[in-house]
Amino acid sequence: MIILLYVIHVLIAVALVGVVMLQKSEGGALGMGGGGMSGFMTGRSTANLLTRTTAILAALFFGTSILLVVLGNSTRAPRSIIDDGGGSPLTAPINPGAPAVPAPAGPVAPVQPAPPAEPSAPLAR
């Protein structure tokens, strides 16, 4: 279903580009549509037709865009920061594969400071 919608979306986008390229620009230099007054349609009716076609194709383009987003997000389960365990990337462990060190169960003896080290060579005076 979503592949068909992608194909339709691309076809609408190509048609929209084509219709916009057919319109006359303000300067009249880039517009391919038009020509003389002796044609199938007059300049004003061509402009009205191209304007309406552009509006319809733009509405279809926005509609298929929104539908693609809705269908794309419908299969994804909503995520919550609370359910993931919280925490920001700054508080994440550096090595996630390493086992966590458990806290000691009982009282911990205070750490004794190390005795000062004796110099190995006499100091020069």
PDB file of N, CA and C in Angstrom:
ATOM      1  N   MET A   1       0.820  -1.194   0.000  1.00  0.00           N
ATOM      2  CA  MET A   1       0.000   0.000   0.000  1.00  0.00           C
ATOM      3  C   MET A   1       0.866   1.261   0.000  1.00  0.00           C
ATOM      4  N   ILE A   2       1.893   1.236   0.854  1.00  0.00           N
ATOM      5  CA  ILE A   2       2.716   2.435   0.974  1.00  0.00           C
ATOM      6  C   ILE A   2       3.598   2.617  -0.268  1.00  0.00           C
ATOM      7  N   ILE A   3       3.974   1.519  -0.932  1.00  0.00           N
ATOM      8  CA  ILE A   3       4.758   1.625  -2.159  1.00  0.00           C
ATOM      9  C   ILE A   3       3.922   2.293  -3.251  1.00  0.00           C
ATOM     10  N   LEU A   4       2.675   1.913  -3.358  1.00  0.00           N
ATOM     11  CA  LEU A   4       1.779   2.532  -4.341  1.00  0.00           C
ATOM     12  C   LEU A   4       1.614   4.024  -4.050  1.00  0.00           C
ATOM     13  N   LEU A   5       1.524   4.362  -2.781  1.00  0.00           N
ATOM     14  CA  LEU A   5       1.396   5.765  -2.401  1.00  0.00           C
ATOM     15  C   LEU A   5       2.671   6.539  -2.732  1.00  0.00           C
ATOM     16  N   TYR A   6       3.845   5.913  -2.573  1.00  0.00           N
ATOM     17  CA  TYR A   6       5.103   6.551  -2.976  1.00  0.00           C
ATOM     18  C   TYR A   6       5.122   6.830  -4.485  1.00  0.00           C
ATOM     19  N   VAL A   7       4.683   5.863  -5.265  1.00  0.00           N
ATOM     20  CA  VAL A   7       4.663   6.029  -6.721  1.00  0.00           C
ATOM     21  C   VAL A   7       3.720   7.164  -7.115  1.00  0.00           C
ATOM     22  N   ILE A   8       2.543   7.196  -6.519  1.00  0.00           N
ATOM     23  CA  ILE A   8       1.583   8.265  -6.804  1.00  0.00           C
ATOM     24  C   ILE A   8       2.162   9.618  -6.388  1.00  0.00           C
ATOM     25  N   HIS A   9       2.828   9.655  -5.257  1.00  0.00           N
ATOM     26  CA  HIS A   9       3.433  10.889  -4.747  1.00  0.00           C
ATOM     27  C   HIS A   9       4.492  11.421  -5.722  1.00  0.00           C
ATOM     28  N   VAL A  10       5.320  10.536  -6.245  1.00  0.00           N
ATOM     29  CA  VAL A  10       6.357  10.953  -7.197  1.00  0.00           C
ATOM     30  C   VAL A  10       5.726  11.430  -8.502  1.00  0.00           C
ATOM     31  N   LEU A  11       4.690  10.737  -8.968  1.00  0.00           N
ATOM     32  CA  LEU A  11       4.020  11.160 -10.202  1.00  0.00           C
ATOM     33  C   LEU A  11       3.374  12.531 -10.035  1.00  0.00           C
ATOM     34  N   ILE A  12       2.782  12.774  -8.892  1.00  0.00           N
ATOM     35  CA  ILE A  12       2.190  14.087  -8.621  1.00  0.00           C
ATOM     36  C   ILE A  12       3.280  15.155  -8.588  1.00  0.00           C
ATOM     37  N   ALA A  13       4.410  14.832  -7.981  1.00  0.00           N
ATOM     38  CA  ALA A  13       5.508  15.803  -7.911  1.00  0.00           C
ATOM     39  C   ALA A  13       6.035  16.134  -9.300  1.00  0.00           C
ATOM     40  N   VAL A  14       6.180  15.143 -10.163  1.00  0.00           N
ATOM     41  CA  VAL A  14       6.661  15.377 -11.527  1.00  0.00           C
ATOM     42  C   VAL A  14       5.637  16.201 -12.308  1.00  0.00           C
ATOM     43  N   ALA A  15       4.352  15.873 -12.160  1.00  0.00           N
ATOM     44  CA  ALA A  15       3.311  16.639 -12.845  1.00  0.00           C
ATOM     45  C   ALA A  15       3.281  18.078 -12.347  1.00  0.00           C
ATOM     46  N   LEU A  16       3.477  18.272 -11.056  1.00  0.00           N
ATOM     47  CA  LEU A  16       3.482  19.624 -10.491  1.00  0.00           C
ATOM     48  C   LEU A  16       4.642  20.445 -11.053  1.00  0.00           C
ATOM     49  N   VAL A  17       5.814  19.835 -11.160  1.00  0.00           N
ATOM     50  CA  VAL A  17       6.959  20.538 -11.742  1.00  0.00           C
ATOM     51  C   VAL A  17       6.664  20.891 -13.200  1.00  0.00           C
ATOM     52  N   GLY A  18       6.082  19.957 -13.937  1.00  0.00           N
ATOM     53  CA  GLY A  18       5.757  20.217 -15.341  1.00  0.00           C
ATOM     54  C   GLY A  18       4.754  21.345 -15.507  1.00  0.00           C
ATOM     55  N   VAL A  19       3.720  21.377 -14.691  1.00  0.00           N
ATOM     56  CA  VAL A  19       2.695  22.424 -14.787  1.00  0.00           C
ATOM     57  C   VAL A  19       3.280  23.778 -14.408  1.00  0.00           C
ATOM     58  N   VAL A  20       4.135  23.809 -13.404  1.00  0.00           N
ATOM     59  CA  VAL A  20       4.752  25.073 -13.012  1.00  0.00           C
ATOM     60  C   VAL A  20       5.668  25.574 -14.129  1.00  0.00           C
ATOM     61  N   MET A  21       6.367  24.673 -14.803  1.00  0.00           N
ATOM     62  CA  MET A  21       7.251  25.080 -15.885  1.00  0.00           C
ATOM     63  C   MET A  21       6.481  25.593 -17.104  1.00  0.00           C
ATOM     64  N   LEU A  22       5.245  25.149 -17.272  1.00  0.00           N
ATOM     65  CA  LEU A  22       4.434  25.613 -18.398  1.00  0.00           C
ATOM     66  C   LEU A  22       3.910  27.031 -18.204  1.00  0.00           C
ATOM     67  N   GLN A  23       3.826  27.470 -16.977  1.00  0.00           N
ATOM     68  CA  GLN A  23       3.254  28.788 -16.719  1.00  0.00           C
ATOM     69  C   GLN A  23       4.192  29.885 -17.188  1.00  0.00           C
ATOM     70  N   LYS A  24       3.595  30.987 -17.582  1.00  0.00           N
ATOM     71  CA  LYS A  24       4.390  32.148 -17.984  1.00  0.00           C
ATOM     72  C   LYS A  24       4.974  32.804 -16.750  1.00  0.00           C
ATOM     73  N   SER A  25       6.228  33.211 -16.861  1.00  0.00           N
ATOM     74  CA  SER A  25       6.833  33.931 -15.752  1.00  0.00           C
ATOM     75  C   SER A  25       6.463  35.399 -15.866  1.00  0.00           C
ATOM     76  N   GLU A  26       6.819  36.174 -14.876  1.00  0.00           N
ATOM     77  CA  GLU A  26       6.509  37.613 -14.885  1.00  0.00           C
ATOM     78  C   GLU A  26       7.173  38.305 -16.052  1.00  0.00           C
ATOM     79  N   GLY A  27       8.414  37.934 -16.353  1.00  0.00           N
ATOM     80  CA  GLY A  27       9.129  38.563 -17.451  1.00  0.00           C
ATOM     81  C   GLY A  27       8.751  37.970 -18.796  1.00  0.00           C
ATOM     82  N   GLY A  28       8.157  36.783 -18.783  1.00  0.00           N
ATOM     83  CA  GLY A  28       7.774  36.141 -20.025  1.00  0.00           C
ATOM     84  C   GLY A  28       8.919  35.425 -20.714  1.00  0.00           C
ATOM     85  N   ALA A  29      10.074  35.323 -20.074  1.00  0.00           N
ATOM     86  CA  ALA A  29      11.227  34.731 -20.731  1.00  0.00           C
ATOM     87  C   ALA A  29      11.289  33.221 -20.548  1.00  0.00           C
ATOM     88  N   LEU A  30      10.788  32.706 -19.442  1.00  0.00           N
ATOM     89  CA  LEU A  30      10.951  31.279 -19.172  1.00  0.00           C
ATOM     90  C   LEU A  30       9.696  30.458 -19.426  1.00  0.00           C
ATOM     91  N   GLY A  31       8.560  31.080 -19.554  1.00  0.00           N
ATOM     92  CA  GLY A  31       7.321  30.333 -19.733  1.00  0.00           C
ATOM     93  C   GLY A  31       7.272  29.655 -21.088  1.00  0.00           C
ATOM     94  N   MET A  32       6.925  28.375 -21.125  1.00  0.00           N
ATOM     95  CA  MET A  32       6.833  27.648 -22.378  1.00  0.00           C
ATOM     96  C   MET A  32       5.428  27.692 -22.939  1.00  0.00           C
ATOM     97  N   GLY A  33       4.452  27.874 -22.094  1.00  0.00           N
ATOM     98  CA  GLY A  33       3.070  27.911 -22.559  1.00  0.00           C
ATOM     99  C   GLY A  33       2.760  29.266 -23.152  1.00  0.00           C
ATOM    100  N   GLY A  34       1.773  29.291 -23.966  1.00  0.00           N
ATOM    101  CA  GLY A  34       1.379  30.583 -24.518  1.00  0.00           C
ATOM    102  C   GLY A  34       1.537  30.595 -26.009  1.00  0.00           C
ATOM    103  N   GLY A  35       2.197  31.557 -26.520  1.00  0.00           N
ATOM    104  CA  GLY A  35       2.309  31.719 -27.956  1.00  0.00           C
ATOM    105  C   GLY A  35       1.442  32.884 -28.384  1.00  0.00           C
ATOM    106  N   GLY A  36       0.860  32.798 -29.556  1.00  0.00           N
ATOM    107  CA  GLY A  36       0.009  33.863 -30.067  1.00  0.00           C
ATOM    108  C   GLY A  36      -1.416  33.739 -29.558  1.00  0.00           C
ATOM    109  N   MET A  37      -2.239  34.658 -29.967  1.00  0.00           N
ATOM    110  CA  MET A  37      -3.645  34.636 -29.561  1.00  0.00           C
ATOM    111  C   MET A  37      -4.439  33.623 -30.371  1.00  0.00           C
ATOM    112  N   SER A  38      -3.913  33.166 -31.490  1.00  0.00           N
ATOM    113  CA  SER A  38      -4.645  32.209 -32.321  1.00  0.00           C
ATOM    114  C   SER A  38      -4.259  30.804 -31.890  1.00  0.00           C
ATOM    115  N   GLY A  39      -4.919  30.305 -30.925  1.00  0.00           N
ATOM    116  CA  GLY A  39      -4.605  28.976 -30.430  1.00  0.00           C
ATOM    117  C   GLY A  39      -5.867  28.318 -29.920  1.00  0.00           C
ATOM    118  N   PHE A  40      -5.683  27.175 -29.332  1.00  0.00           N
ATOM    119  CA  PHE A  40      -6.822  26.437 -28.793  1.00  0.00           C
ATOM    120  C   PHE A  40      -7.471  27.205 -27.654  1.00  0.00           C
ATOM    121  N   MET A  41      -6.642  27.810 -26.819  1.00  0.00           N
ATOM    122  CA  MET A  41      -7.159  28.551 -25.676  1.00  0.00           C
ATOM    123  C   MET A  41      -6.512  29.931 -25.680  1.00  0.00           C
ATOM    124  N   THR A  42      -7.215  30.879 -25.151  1.00  0.00           N
ATOM    125  CA  THR A  42      -6.645  32.214 -25.054  1.00  0.00           C
ATOM    126  C   THR A  42      -5.674  32.266 -23.893  1.00  0.00           C
ATOM    127  N   GLY A  43      -4.920  33.343 -23.791  1.00  0.00           N
ATOM    128  CA  GLY A  43      -3.926  33.484 -22.729  1.00  0.00           C
ATOM    129  C   GLY A  43      -4.542  33.472 -21.349  1.00  0.00           C
ATOM    130  N   ARG A  44      -5.703  34.118 -21.196  1.00  0.00           N
ATOM    131  CA  ARG A  44      -6.339  34.182 -19.888  1.00  0.00           C
ATOM    132  C   ARG A  44      -6.892  32.827 -19.459  1.00  0.00           C
ATOM    133  N   SER A  45      -7.510  32.107 -20.380  1.00  0.00           N
ATOM    134  CA  SER A  45      -8.070  30.801 -20.008  1.00  0.00           C
ATOM    135  C   SER A  45      -6.955  29.788 -19.750  1.00  0.00           C
ATOM    136  N   THR A  46      -5.830  29.915 -20.470  1.00  0.00           N
ATOM    137  CA  THR A  46      -4.688  29.042 -20.197  1.00  0.00           C
ATOM    138  C   THR A  46      -4.133  29.314 -18.807  1.00  0.00           C
ATOM    139  N   ALA A  47      -4.034  30.584 -18.440  1.00  0.00           N
ATOM    140  CA  ALA A  47      -3.524  30.934 -17.111  1.00  0.00           C
ATOM    141  C   ALA A  47      -4.454  30.416 -16.027  1.00  0.00           C
ATOM    142  N   ASN A  48      -5.758  30.536 -16.233  1.00  0.00           N
ATOM    143  CA  ASN A  48      -6.709  30.035 -15.239  1.00  0.00           C
ATOM    144  C   ASN A  48      -6.621  28.518 -15.105  1.00  0.00           C
ATOM    145  N   LEU A  49      -6.514  27.821 -16.248  1.00  0.00           N
ATOM    146  CA  LEU A  49      -6.411  26.365 -16.219  1.00  0.00           C
ATOM    147  C   LEU A  49      -5.124  25.926 -15.512  1.00  0.00           C
ATOM    148  N   LEU A  50      -4.008  26.546 -15.840  1.00  0.00           N
ATOM    149  CA  LEU A  50      -2.742  26.173 -15.227  1.00  0.00           C
ATOM    150  C   LEU A  50      -2.721  26.515 -13.733  1.00  0.00           C
ATOM    151  N   THR A  51      -3.350  27.630 -13.361  1.00  0.00           N
ATOM    152  CA  THR A  51      -3.415  28.003 -11.944  1.00  0.00           C
ATOM    153  C   THR A  51      -4.242  26.995 -11.160  1.00  0.00           C
ATOM    154  N   ARG A  52      -5.366  26.612 -11.713  1.00  0.00           N
ATOM    155  CA  ARG A  52      -6.215  25.612 -11.025  1.00  0.00           C
ATOM    156  C   ARG A  52      -5.537  24.257 -10.964  1.00  0.00           C
ATOM    157  N   THR A  53      -4.891  23.874 -12.063  1.00  0.00           N
ATOM    158  CA  THR A  53      -4.185  22.590 -12.081  1.00  0.00           C
ATOM    159  C   THR A  53      -3.052  22.585 -11.054  1.00  0.00           C
ATOM    160  N   THR A  54      -2.338  23.699 -10.956  1.00  0.00           N
ATOM    161  CA  THR A  54      -1.267  23.803  -9.966  1.00  0.00           C
ATOM    162  C   THR A  54      -1.819  23.693  -8.558  1.00  0.00           C
ATOM    163  N   ALA A  55      -2.938  24.363  -8.291  1.00  0.00           N
ATOM    164  CA  ALA A  55      -3.534  24.309  -6.957  1.00  0.00           C
ATOM    165  C   ALA A  55      -4.003  22.898  -6.613  1.00  0.00           C
ATOM    166  N   ILE A  56      -4.609  22.214  -7.578  1.00  0.00           N
ATOM    167  CA  ILE A  56      -5.086  20.846  -7.327  1.00  0.00           C
ATOM    168  C   ILE A  56      -3.912  19.904  -7.098  1.00  0.00           C
ATOM    169  N   LEU A  57      -2.884  20.012  -7.947  1.00  0.00           N
ATOM    170  CA  LEU A  57      -1.716  19.145  -7.773  1.00  0.00           C
ATOM    171  C   LEU A  57      -0.985  19.436  -6.463  1.00  0.00           C
ATOM    172  N   ALA A  58      -0.927  20.711  -6.075  1.00  0.00           N
ATOM    173  CA  ALA A  58      -0.287  21.053  -4.799  1.00  0.00           C
ATOM    174  C   ALA A  58      -1.073  20.468  -3.632  1.00  0.00           C
ATOM    175  N   ALA A  59      -2.405  20.544  -3.687  1.00  0.00           N
ATOM    176  CA  ALA A  59      -3.228  19.965  -2.621  1.00  0.00           C
ATOM    177  C   ALA A  59      -3.047  18.447  -2.558  1.00  0.00           C
ATOM    178  N   LEU A  60      -2.986  17.804  -3.722  1.00  0.00           N
ATOM    179  CA  LEU A  60      -2.758  16.354  -3.750  1.00  0.00           C
ATOM    180  C   LEU A  60      -1.367  16.009  -3.218  1.00  0.00           C
ATOM    181  N   PHE A  61      -0.374  16.832  -3.539  1.00  0.00           N
ATOM    182  CA  PHE A  61       0.981  16.600  -3.055  1.00  0.00           C
ATOM    183  C   PHE A  61       1.041  16.698  -1.531  1.00  0.00           C
ATOM    184  N   PHE A  62       0.420  17.745  -0.978  1.00  0.00           N
ATOM    185  CA  PHE A  62       0.402  17.878   0.484  1.00  0.00           C
ATOM    186  C   PHE A  62      -0.385  16.733   1.120  1.00  0.00           C
ATOM    187  N   GLY A  63      -1.483  16.343   0.490  1.00  0.00           N
ATOM    188  CA  GLY A  63      -2.287  15.240   1.033  1.00  0.00           C
ATOM    189  C   GLY A  63      -1.525  13.932   1.059  1.00  0.00           C
ATOM    190  N   THR A  64      -0.840  13.614  -0.049  1.00  0.00           N
ATOM    191  CA  THR A  64      -0.068  12.367  -0.056  1.00  0.00           C
ATOM    192  C   THR A  64       1.124  12.449   0.895  1.00  0.00           C
ATOM    193  N   SER A  65       1.692  13.642   1.063  1.00  0.00           N
ATOM    194  CA  SER A  65       2.796  13.791   2.026  1.00  0.00           C
ATOM    195  C   SER A  65       2.323  13.489   3.441  1.00  0.00           C
ATOM    196  N   ILE A  66       1.204  14.058   3.821  1.00  0.00           N
ATOM    197  CA  ILE A  66       0.662  13.823   5.163  1.00  0.00           C
ATOM    198  C   ILE A  66       0.271  12.366   5.336  1.00  0.00           C
ATOM    199  N   LEU A  67      -0.327  11.775   4.303  1.00  0.00           N
ATOM    200  CA  LEU A  67      -0.724  10.366   4.388  1.00  0.00           C
ATOM    201  C   LEU A  67       0.494   9.457   4.516  1.00  0.00           C
ATOM    202  N   LEU A  68       1.570   9.774   3.804  1.00  0.00           N
ATOM    203  CA  LEU A  68       2.801   8.978   3.936  1.00  0.00           C
ATOM    204  C   LEU A  68       3.380   9.069   5.339  1.00  0.00           C
ATOM    205  N   VAL A  69       3.326  10.244   5.947  1.00  0.00           N
ATOM    206  CA  VAL A  69       3.827  10.401   7.318  1.00  0.00           C
ATOM    207  C   VAL A  69       2.963   9.608   8.289  1.00  0.00           C
ATOM    208  N   VAL A  70       1.664   9.696   8.136  1.00  0.00           N
ATOM    209  CA  VAL A  70       0.758   8.979   9.044  1.00  0.00           C
ATOM    210  C   VAL A  70       0.956   7.466   8.912  1.00  0.00           C
ATOM    211  N   LEU A  71       1.029   6.982   7.677  1.00  0.00           N
ATOM    212  CA  LEU A  71       1.219   5.539   7.482  1.00  0.00           C
ATOM    213  C   LEU A  71       2.608   5.085   7.923  1.00  0.00           C
ATOM    214  N   GLY A  72       3.599   5.927   7.745  1.00  0.00           N
ATOM    215  CA  GLY A  72       4.956   5.570   8.177  1.00  0.00           C
ATOM    216  C   GLY A  72       5.101   5.512   9.680  1.00  0.00           C
ATOM    217  N   ASN A  73       4.372   6.350  10.394  1.00  0.00           N
ATOM    218  CA  ASN A  73       4.472   6.369  11.853  1.00  0.00           C
ATOM    219  C   ASN A  73       3.490   5.423  12.529  1.00  0.00           C
ATOM    220  N   SER A  74       2.554   4.858  11.795  1.00  0.00           N
ATOM    221  CA  SER A  74       1.566   3.987  12.427  1.00  0.00           C
ATOM    222  C   SER A  74       2.165   2.662  12.860  1.00  0.00           C
ATOM    223  N   THR A  75       3.218   2.204  12.196  1.00  0.00           N
ATOM    224  CA  THR A  75       3.820   0.920  12.559  1.00  0.00           C
ATOM    225  C   THR A  75       4.830   1.049  13.681  1.00  0.00           C
ATOM    226  N   ARG A  76       5.266   2.250  13.974  1.00  0.00           N
ATOM    227  CA  ARG A  76       6.268   2.466  15.007  1.00  0.00           C
ATOM    228  C   ARG A  76       5.579   2.632  16.362  1.00  0.00           C
ATOM    229  N   ALA A  77       6.076   1.916  17.348  1.00  0.00           N
ATOM    230  CA  ALA A  77       5.509   2.024  18.697  1.00  0.00           C
ATOM    231  C   ALA A  77       5.983   3.326  19.343  1.00  0.00           C
ATOM    232  N   PRO A  78       5.126   3.980  20.090  1.00  0.00           N
ATOM    233  CA  PRO A  78       5.570   5.211  20.764  1.00  0.00           C
ATOM    234  C   PRO A  78       6.611   4.891  21.823  1.00  0.00           C
ATOM    235  N   ARG A  79       7.574   5.778  21.963  1.00  0.00           N
ATOM    236  CA  ARG A  79       8.644   5.588  22.938  1.00  0.00           C
ATOM    237  C   ARG A  79       8.536   6.638  24.025  1.00  0.00           C
ATOM    238  N   SER A  80       8.909   6.231  25.208  1.00  0.00           N
ATOM    239  CA  SER A  80       8.907   7.133  26.335  1.00  0.00           C
ATOM    240  C   SER A  80      10.297   7.150  26.954  1.00  0.00           C
ATOM    241  N   ILE A  81      10.731   8.296  27.370  1.00  0.00           N
ATOM    242  CA  ILE A  81      12.030   8.404  28.032  1.00  0.00           C
ATOM    243  C   ILE A  81      11.998   7.661  29.358  1.00  0.00           C
ATOM    244  N   ILE A  82      10.872   7.691  30.019  1.00  0.00           N
ATOM    245  CA  ILE A  82      10.746   7.025  31.317  1.00  0.00           C
ATOM    246  C   ILE A  82      10.842   5.514  31.146  1.00  0.00           C
ATOM    247  N   ASP A  83      10.194   4.971  30.083  1.00  0.00           N
ATOM    248  CA  ASP A  83      10.244   3.529  29.851  1.00  0.00           C
ATOM    249  C   ASP A  83      11.630   3.063  29.425  1.00  0.00           C
ATOM    250  N   ASP A  84      12.395   3.918  28.775  1.00  0.00           N
ATOM    251  CA  ASP A  84      13.745   3.559  28.338  1.00  0.00           C
ATOM    252  C   ASP A  84      14.744   3.548  29.480  1.00  0.00           C
ATOM    253  N   GLY A  85      14.382   3.996  30.648  1.00  0.00           N
ATOM    254  CA  GLY A  85      15.288   4.014  31.780  1.00  0.00           C
ATOM    255  C   GLY A  85      15.786   5.405  32.083  1.00  0.00           C
ATOM    256  N   GLY A  86      15.380   6.366  31.305  1.00  0.00           N
ATOM    257  CA  GLY A  86      15.762   7.749  31.578  1.00  0.00           C
ATOM    258  C   GLY A  86      17.239   7.973  31.354  1.00  0.00           C
ATOM    259  N   GLY A  87      17.688   9.085  31.817  1.00  0.00           N
ATOM    260  CA  GLY A  87      19.099   9.414  31.676  1.00  0.00           C
ATOM    261  C   GLY A  87      19.378  10.063  30.344  1.00  0.00           C
ATOM    262  N   SER A  88      20.333  10.932  30.371  1.00  0.00           N
ATOM    263  CA  SER A  88      20.727  11.600  29.145  1.00  0.00           C
ATOM    264  C   SER A  88      21.989  10.944  28.616  1.00  0.00           C
ATOM    265  N   PRO A  89      22.380  11.244  27.392  1.00  0.00           N
ATOM    266  CA  PRO A  89      23.622  10.665  26.876  1.00  0.00           C
ATOM    267  C   PRO A  89      24.845  11.060  27.700  1.00  0.00           C
ATOM    268  N   LEU A  90      24.761  12.164  28.445  1.00  0.00           N
ATOM    269  CA  LEU A  90      25.897  12.580  29.255  1.00  0.00           C
ATOM    270  C   LEU A  90      26.077  11.683  30.481  1.00  0.00           C
ATOM    271  N   THR A  91      24.986  11.078  30.956  1.00  0.00           N
ATOM    272  CA  THR A  91      25.081  10.215  32.130  1.00  0.00           C
ATOM    273  C   THR A  91      25.204   8.743  31.748  1.00  0.00           C
ATOM    274  N   ALA A  92      25.234   8.430  30.463  1.00  0.00           N
ATOM    275  CA  ALA A  92      25.345   7.044  30.027  1.00  0.00           C
ATOM    276  C   ALA A  92      26.739   6.522  30.357  1.00  0.00           C
ATOM    277  N   PRO A  93      26.858   5.238  30.658  1.00  0.00           N
ATOM    278  CA  PRO A  93      28.176   4.683  30.964  1.00  0.00           C
ATOM    279  C   PRO A  93      29.071   4.712  29.734  1.00  0.00           C
ATOM    280  N   ILE A  94      30.370   4.834  29.979  1.00  0.00           N
ATOM    281  CA  ILE A  94      31.319   4.918  28.868  1.00  0.00           C
ATOM    282  C   ILE A  94      31.422   3.585  28.156  1.00  0.00           C
ATOM    283  N   ASN A  95      31.470   2.507  28.902  1.00  0.00           N
ATOM    284  CA  ASN A  95      31.551   1.176  28.320  1.00  0.00           C
ATOM    285  C   ASN A  95      30.282   0.421  28.696  1.00  0.00           C
ATOM    286  N   PRO A  96      29.247   0.431  27.842  1.00  0.00           N
ATOM    287  CA  PRO A  96      27.995  -0.203  28.234  1.00  0.00           C
ATOM    288  C   PRO A  96      28.088  -1.720  28.343  1.00  0.00           C
ATOM    289  N   GLY A  97      29.111  -2.359  27.742  1.00  0.00           N
ATOM    290  CA  GLY A  97      29.228  -3.807  27.813  1.00  0.00           C
ATOM    291  C   GLY A  97      29.870  -4.288  29.105  1.00  0.00           C
ATOM    292  N   ALA A  98      30.509  -3.383  29.857  1.00  0.00           N
ATOM    293  CA  ALA A  98      31.180  -3.777  31.090  1.00  0.00           C
ATOM    294  C   ALA A  98      30.141  -4.021  32.186  1.00  0.00           C
ATOM    295  N   PRO A  99      30.395  -5.009  33.052  1.00  0.00           N
ATOM    296  CA  PRO A  99      29.430  -5.268  34.129  1.00  0.00           C
ATOM    297  C   PRO A  99      29.468  -4.137  35.159  1.00  0.00           C
ATOM    298  N   ALA A 100      28.332  -3.892  35.739  1.00  0.00           N
ATOM    299  CA  ALA A 100      28.237  -2.848  36.754  1.00  0.00           C
ATOM    300  C   ALA A 100      28.831  -3.365  38.067  1.00  0.00           C
ATOM    301  N   VAL A 101      29.459  -2.498  38.819  1.00  0.00           N
ATOM    302  CA  VAL A 101      30.051  -2.857  40.098  1.00  0.00           C
ATOM    303  C   VAL A 101      28.978  -2.691  41.169  1.00  0.00           C
ATOM    304  N   PRO A 102      28.650  -3.780  41.879  1.00  0.00           N
ATOM    305  CA  PRO A 102      27.597  -3.651  42.899  1.00  0.00           C
ATOM    306  C   PRO A 102      28.117  -2.893  44.128  1.00  0.00           C
ATOM    307  N   ALA A 103      27.215  -2.265  44.818  1.00  0.00           N
ATOM    308  CA  ALA A 103      27.561  -1.548  46.051  1.00  0.00           C
ATOM    309  C   ALA A 103      27.823  -2.560  47.157  1.00  0.00           C
ATOM    310  N   PRO A 104      28.731  -2.266  48.093  1.00  0.00           N
ATOM    311  CA  PRO A 104      28.997  -3.207  49.192  1.00  0.00           C
ATOM    312  C   PRO A 104      27.751  -3.396  50.048  1.00  0.00           C
ATOM    313  N   ALA A 105      27.606  -4.628  50.546  1.00  0.00           N
ATOM    314  CA  ALA A 105      26.407  -4.950  51.309  1.00  0.00           C
ATOM    315  C   ALA A 105      26.494  -4.452  52.751  1.00  0.00           C
ATOM    316  N   GLY A 106      27.628  -4.554  53.383  1.00  0.00           N
ATOM    317  CA  GLY A 106      27.742  -4.197  54.794  1.00  0.00           C
ATOM    318  C   GLY A 106      28.513  -2.910  54.995  1.00  0.00           C
ATOM    319  N   PRO A 107      28.844  -2.638  56.269  1.00  0.00           N
ATOM    320  CA  PRO A 107      29.627  -1.431  56.536  1.00  0.00           C
ATOM    321  C   PRO A 107      31.036  -1.571  55.952  1.00  0.00           C
ATOM    322  N   VAL A 108      31.579  -0.503  55.524  1.00  0.00           N
ATOM    323  CA  VAL A 108      32.889  -0.493  54.892  1.00  0.00           C
ATOM    324  C   VAL A 108      33.891   0.109  55.866  1.00  0.00           C
ATOM    325  N   ALA A 109      35.067  -0.545  55.983  1.00  0.00           N
ATOM    326  CA  ALA A 109      36.111  -0.031  56.870  1.00  0.00           C
ATOM    327  C   ALA A 109      36.727   1.200  56.229  1.00  0.00           C
ATOM    328  N   PRO A 110      37.080   2.191  57.040  1.00  0.00           N
ATOM    329  CA  PRO A 110      37.691   3.390  56.452  1.00  0.00           C
ATOM    330  C   PRO A 110      39.046   3.057  55.836  1.00  0.00           C
ATOM    331  N   VAL A 111      39.381   3.741  54.827  1.00  0.00           N
ATOM    332  CA  VAL A 111      40.636   3.523  54.121  1.00  0.00           C
ATOM    333  C   VAL A 111      41.743   4.230  54.889  1.00  0.00           C
ATOM    334  N   GLN A 112      42.828   3.486  55.163  1.00  0.00           N
ATOM    335  CA  GLN A 112      43.966   4.054  55.876  1.00  0.00           C
ATOM    336  C   GLN A 112      44.878   4.757  54.879  1.00  0.00           C
ATOM    337  N   PRO A 113      45.371   5.947  55.238  1.00  0.00           N
ATOM    338  CA  PRO A 113      46.282   6.616  54.309  1.00  0.00           C
ATOM    339  C   PRO A 113      47.608   5.870  54.237  1.00  0.00           C
ATOM    340  N   ALA A 114      48.221   5.917  53.095  1.00  0.00           N
ATOM    341  CA  ALA A 114      49.495   5.240  52.893  1.00  0.00           C
ATOM    342  C   ALA A 114      50.590   6.017  53.605  1.00  0.00           C
ATOM    343  N   PRO A 115      51.595   5.312  54.170  1.00  0.00           N
ATOM    344  CA  PRO A 115      52.690   6.020  54.839  1.00  0.00           C
ATOM    345  C   PRO A 115      53.501   6.786  53.809  1.00  0.00           C
ATOM    346  N   PRO A 116      54.130   7.872  54.227  1.00  0.00           N
ATOM    347  CA  PRO A 116      54.916   8.651  53.264  1.00  0.00           C
ATOM    348  C   PRO A 116      56.091   7.828  52.748  1.00  0.00           C
ATOM    349  N   ALA A 117      56.376   7.980  51.506  1.00  0.00           N
ATOM    350  CA  ALA A 117      57.460   7.241  50.877  1.00  0.00           C
ATOM    351  C   ALA A 117      58.795   7.902  51.203  1.00  0.00           C
ATOM    352  N   GLU A 118      59.791   7.067  51.439  1.00  0.00           N
ATOM    353  CA  GLU A 118      61.121   7.597  51.717  1.00  0.00           C
ATOM    354  C   GLU A 118      61.830   7.859  50.393  1.00  0.00           C
ATOM    355  N   PRO A 119      62.581   8.937  50.341  1.00  0.00           N
ATOM    356  CA  PRO A 119      63.281   9.219  49.082  1.00  0.00           C
ATOM    357  C   PRO A 119      64.335   8.154  48.809  1.00  0.00           C
ATOM    358  N   SER A 120      64.516   7.815  47.546  1.00  0.00           N
ATOM    359  CA  SER A 120      65.470   6.781  47.185  1.00  0.00           C
ATOM    360  C   SER A 120      66.895   7.347  47.105  1.00  0.00           C
ATOM    361  N   ALA A 121      67.023   8.633  46.839  1.00  0.00           N
ATOM    362  CA  ALA A 121      68.354   9.238  46.767  1.00  0.00           C
ATOM    363  C   ALA A 121      68.348  10.474  47.655  1.00  0.00           C
ATOM    364  N   PRO A 122      69.515  10.787  48.277  1.00  0.00           N
ATOM    365  CA  PRO A 122      69.538  11.984  49.127  1.00  0.00           C
ATOM    366  C   PRO A 122      69.350  13.262  48.277  1.00  0.00           C
ATOM    367  N   LEU A 123      68.709  14.203  48.865  1.00  0.00           N
ATOM    368  CA  LEU A 123      68.477  15.471  48.158  1.00  0.00           C
ATOM    369  C   LEU A 123      69.743  16.301  48.095  1.00  0.00           C
ATOM    370  N   ALA A 124      69.989  16.900  46.995  1.00  0.00           N
ATOM    371  CA  ALA A 124      71.173  17.746  46.824  1.00  0.00           C
ATOM    372  C   ALA A 124      70.953  19.065  47.542  1.00  0.00           C
ATOM    373  N   ARG A 125      72.071  19.528  48.194  1.00  0.00           N
ATOM    374  CA  ARG A 125      71.941  20.812  48.923  1.00  0.00           C
ATOM    375  C   ARG A 125      72.555  21.923  48.194  1.00  0.00           C
TER     376      ARG A 125
END
